[in-house]
Amino acid sequence: MTIEIPAAVLWDMDGTIVDTEPYWQQCQQDLVESFGGVWTKEDGLRNVGMGLWDSARMLQDAGVDLPADDIVARLTDEVLELTLQAPPWRPGAVELLRSVREAGIPTALVTMSIEKMARAIADALPFPAFDVVVAGDLVTHPKPHPEAYLLAASRLGVEPALCVAIEDSAPGLAAAVAAGTSAIGVPHVTQLPPSAEYTLWDTLEHRTVDDLVLVVQPA
């Protein structure tokens, strides 16, 4: 049985391409504490990979007396400002992205961050990295729902089953698997259990297109 080159590679952003997670954690904590509430590290970890409006509801439950849209906008602006000062790219991410682009394989950024942040991070990369951007404010259902990955594949004009998706969180992996992609989990701030539904890599360092070919589901 022949293993095909991926029809596209679909990338999560936060925690997969760029290490924004510490910024999200700190900005969430600062926001909750500014309203007199308590936000623990465990609270922050429960938010990893979730849609921002779901996270906003958790912050409201912790005492933040702001509309959800205002919470999302405020956190996004704060995290983006910190990130763009010196983007903390995840090990091997930029190199693998470049390898994929040089191979002529279509790419999409599939993130629950809003489009403003997604495009700013994409623009900070040292080369044009994505053909399509699907962000959290462009879908109805956040991860772990598969909508974002299905939309990305549709906009690229490819079948999800011929795509590789790269994720760092359980909600993201669940979305990628539910969409029918060949999913790769690269754990970062949260652990990912072994599963027959996806492939686990310790890091993206030293990975190339040849490694992606090995995880593609046969057509």
Protein backbone atom coordinates (compact mmCIF):
# COMPACT_ATOMS: atom_id res chain seq x y z
CA MET A 1 0.00 0.00 0.00
CA THR A 2 1.43 3.37 -1.02
CA ILE A 3 1.78 6.16 1.52
CA GLU A 4 1.01 9.51 -0.08
CA ILE A 5 2.67 12.85 0.50
CA PRO A 6 0.29 14.98 2.62
CA ALA A 7 -2.23 16.92 0.57
CA ALA A 8 -1.81 19.70 3.16
CA VAL A 9 -0.33 20.30 6.60
CA LEU A 10 -2.66 21.97 9.10
CA TRP A 11 -0.96 23.73 12.00
CA ASP A 12 -2.17 24.72 15.42
CA MET A 13 -0.50 27.93 16.61
CA ASP A 14 -0.33 28.53 20.38
CA GLY A 15 2.02 26.02 21.96
CA THR A 16 2.75 24.35 18.61
CA ILE A 17 4.40 27.03 16.49
CA VAL A 18 4.95 29.74 19.08
CA ASP A 19 5.19 29.43 22.86
CA THR A 20 2.50 31.89 23.87
CA GLU A 21 1.13 29.68 26.64
CA PRO A 22 3.09 31.35 29.49
CA TYR A 23 1.79 34.73 28.29
CA TRP A 24 -1.82 33.51 28.25
CA GLN A 25 -1.40 32.04 31.72
CA GLN A 26 0.08 35.24 33.18
CA CYS A 27 -2.39 37.59 31.49
CA GLN A 28 -5.33 35.48 32.65
CA GLN A 29 -4.02 35.48 36.21
CA ASP A 30 -3.40 39.24 36.18
CA LEU A 31 -6.91 39.89 34.85
CA VAL A 32 -8.63 37.73 37.46
CA GLU A 33 -6.56 39.21 40.29
CA SER A 34 -7.39 42.74 39.11
CA PHE A 35 -11.02 41.90 39.94
CA GLY A 36 -10.09 40.43 43.33
CA GLY A 37 -10.35 36.80 42.25
CA VAL A 38 -7.97 33.85 42.36
CA TRP A 39 -6.61 32.10 39.25
CA THR A 40 -4.32 29.15 39.77
CA LYS A 41 -1.88 27.41 37.45
CA GLU A 42 -4.33 24.50 37.30
CA ASP A 43 -7.11 26.87 36.18
CA GLY A 44 -4.88 28.09 33.37
CA LEU A 45 -3.94 24.60 32.25
CA ARG A 46 -7.63 23.68 31.91
CA ASN A 47 -7.87 26.46 29.34
CA VAL A 48 -5.11 25.17 27.06
CA GLY A 49 -6.46 24.48 23.59
CA MET A 50 -9.96 25.76 24.35
CA GLY A 51 -11.89 28.39 22.44
CA LEU A 52 -11.30 31.88 23.79
CA TRP A 53 -14.97 32.50 24.51
CA ASP A 54 -15.09 29.28 26.55
CA SER A 55 -12.04 30.54 28.43
CA ALA A 56 -13.71 33.91 28.92
CA ARG A 57 -16.67 32.23 30.61
CA MET A 58 -14.27 30.52 33.00
CA LEU A 59 -12.68 33.87 33.79
CA GLN A 60 -16.11 35.38 34.41
CA ASP A 61 -16.84 32.53 36.82
CA ALA A 62 -13.59 33.44 38.58
CA GLY A 63 -14.82 37.01 39.12
CA VAL A 64 -13.93 38.99 35.98
CA ASP A 65 -16.83 41.41 35.56
CA LEU A 66 -16.47 42.08 31.85
CA PRO A 67 -18.35 40.92 28.75
CA ALA A 68 -16.77 37.90 27.09
CA ASP A 69 -15.89 39.89 23.95
CA ASP A 70 -14.01 42.43 26.07
CA ILE A 71 -12.11 39.68 27.87
CA VAL A 72 -11.06 38.09 24.58
CA ALA A 73 -9.99 41.42 23.10
CA ARG A 74 -8.03 42.48 26.18
CA LEU A 75 -6.18 39.19 26.60
CA THR A 76 -5.42 38.98 22.88
CA ASP A 77 -3.91 42.47 22.81
CA GLU A 78 -1.78 41.78 25.89
CA VAL A 79 -0.53 38.38 24.73
CA LEU A 80 0.15 39.60 21.21
CA GLU A 81 2.17 42.56 22.46
CA LEU A 82 4.34 40.27 24.56
CA THR A 83 4.74 37.70 21.80
CA LEU A 84 5.78 40.10 19.07
CA GLN A 85 8.59 41.61 21.17
CA ALA A 86 10.62 38.47 20.40
CA PRO A 87 8.49 35.58 19.12
CA PRO A 88 9.33 32.44 21.13
CA TRP A 89 9.13 29.90 18.30
CA ARG A 90 8.77 26.31 19.42
CA PRO A 91 11.82 24.09 18.75
CA GLY A 92 11.85 22.88 15.15
CA ALA A 93 8.56 24.53 14.17
CA VAL A 94 9.93 27.18 11.81
CA GLU A 95 12.32 24.70 10.23
CA LEU A 96 9.58 22.13 9.58
CA LEU A 97 7.27 24.83 8.23
CA ARG A 98 10.01 25.89 5.82
CA SER A 99 10.56 22.27 4.77
CA VAL A 100 6.85 21.88 4.03
CA ARG A 101 6.70 25.11 2.05
CA GLU A 102 9.79 24.23 0.02
CA ALA A 103 8.15 20.89 -0.83
CA GLY A 104 5.19 22.80 -2.29
CA ILE A 105 2.68 21.33 0.18
CA PRO A 106 -0.29 23.61 1.01
CA THR A 107 -0.56 24.78 4.62
CA ALA A 108 -3.19 26.22 6.92
CA LEU A 109 -3.01 27.83 10.34
CA VAL A 110 -5.87 26.47 12.47
CA THR A 111 -6.06 28.25 15.80
CA MET A 112 -8.58 29.24 18.44
CA SER A 113 -6.86 32.60 18.81
CA ILE A 114 -8.68 35.33 16.93
CA GLU A 115 -7.81 36.22 13.33
CA LYS A 116 -6.04 39.45 14.32
CA MET A 117 -3.52 37.53 16.41
CA ALA A 118 -3.20 34.61 13.99
CA ARG A 119 -2.29 36.87 11.09
CA ALA A 120 0.13 38.91 13.19
CA ILE A 121 1.99 35.76 14.25
CA ALA A 122 1.97 34.46 10.67
CA ASP A 123 3.41 37.78 9.47
CA ALA A 124 6.18 37.53 12.08
CA LEU A 125 7.50 34.32 10.52
CA PRO A 126 10.54 34.84 8.26
CA PHE A 127 8.72 33.62 5.12
CA PRO A 128 5.12 33.32 3.83
CA ALA A 129 4.04 30.22 5.74
CA PHE A 130 0.29 29.73 5.24
CA ASP A 131 -2.15 29.56 2.36
CA VAL A 132 -5.18 29.71 4.66
CA VAL A 133 -5.85 31.02 8.17
CA VAL A 134 -8.79 29.67 10.19
CA ALA A 135 -9.14 31.41 13.55
CA GLY A 136 -11.42 31.13 16.54
CA ASP A 137 -13.59 34.07 15.56
CA LEU A 138 -14.17 32.59 12.10
CA VAL A 139 -15.91 29.41 13.28
CA THR A 140 -19.08 28.67 15.22
CA HIS A 141 -17.73 25.73 17.19
CA PRO A 142 -14.28 25.83 18.86
CA LYS A 143 -11.95 22.88 19.28
CA PRO A 144 -12.49 20.02 20.21
CA HIS A 145 -15.22 20.33 17.55
CA PRO A 146 -13.75 19.52 14.10
CA GLU A 147 -15.23 22.58 12.35
CA ALA A 148 -11.98 24.56 12.17
CA TYR A 149 -10.04 21.70 10.60
CA LEU A 150 -12.83 20.83 8.19
CA LEU A 151 -13.04 24.47 7.13
CA ALA A 152 -9.28 24.66 6.59
CA ALA A 153 -9.26 21.55 4.41
CA SER A 154 -12.26 22.83 2.46
CA ARG A 155 -10.63 26.20 1.78
CA LEU A 156 -7.49 24.42 0.59
CA GLY A 157 -9.57 22.14 -1.62
CA VAL A 158 -8.24 18.92 -0.10
CA GLU A 159 -9.69 15.92 1.70
CA PRO A 160 -9.09 15.98 5.48
CA ALA A 161 -8.06 12.31 5.39
CA LEU A 162 -5.10 13.24 3.19
CA CYS A 163 -3.93 15.99 5.58
CA VAL A 164 -1.59 16.01 8.54
CA ALA A 165 -2.57 18.16 11.53
CA ILE A 166 -0.04 19.17 14.19
CA GLU A 167 -1.29 19.99 17.69
CA ASP A 168 -0.05 20.35 21.27
CA SER A 169 -3.30 20.03 23.27
CA ALA A 170 -5.96 17.44 23.95
CA PRO A 171 -8.82 19.61 22.59
CA GLY A 172 -6.82 20.33 19.45
CA LEU A 173 -5.97 16.69 18.87
CA ALA A 174 -9.60 15.71 19.42
CA ALA A 175 -10.64 18.23 16.76
CA ALA A 176 -8.02 17.00 14.30
CA VAL A 177 -8.96 13.36 14.83
CA ALA A 178 -12.69 14.09 14.54
CA ALA A 179 -12.03 15.89 11.25
CA GLY A 180 -10.42 12.73 9.90
CA THR A 181 -6.84 14.01 9.58
CA SER A 182 -3.66 12.16 10.42
CA ALA A 183 -2.91 13.97 13.66
CA ILE A 184 0.43 14.50 15.38
CA GLY A 185 0.58 15.53 19.02
CA VAL A 186 3.63 17.40 20.30
CA PRO A 187 3.07 17.84 24.06
CA HIS A 188 4.06 21.13 25.60
CA VAL A 189 2.49 22.47 28.81
CA THR A 190 0.04 19.59 29.14
CA GLN A 191 0.58 15.86 28.75
CA LEU A 192 -0.96 13.88 25.91
CA PRO A 193 -1.74 10.21 26.51
CA PRO A 194 -0.67 7.60 23.95
CA SER A 195 -3.47 6.69 21.52
CA ALA A 196 -3.96 4.70 18.36
CA GLU A 197 -5.88 7.72 17.00
CA TYR A 198 -2.80 9.94 16.63
CA THR A 199 1.00 9.96 16.55
CA LEU A 200 3.05 11.45 19.39
CA TRP A 201 6.33 13.25 18.82
CA ASP A 202 8.48 14.62 21.65
CA THR A 203 9.52 17.61 19.54
CA LEU A 204 9.43 19.05 16.04
CA GLU A 205 13.21 19.42 16.04
CA HIS A 206 14.94 17.65 13.15
CA ARG A 207 11.59 16.65 11.61
CA THR A 208 11.10 16.99 7.85
CA VAL A 209 8.49 16.30 5.19
CA ASP A 210 9.74 12.71 5.09
CA ASP A 211 8.55 12.27 8.69
CA LEU A 212 5.13 13.68 7.82
CA VAL A 213 4.75 11.21 4.97
CA LEU A 214 5.05 8.34 7.46
CA VAL A 215 1.96 9.40 9.42
CA VAL A 216 -0.39 10.10 6.52
CA GLN A 217 -3.31 7.71 6.31
CA PRO A 218 -3.40 5.90 2.98
CA ALA A 219 -6.14 7.13 0.66
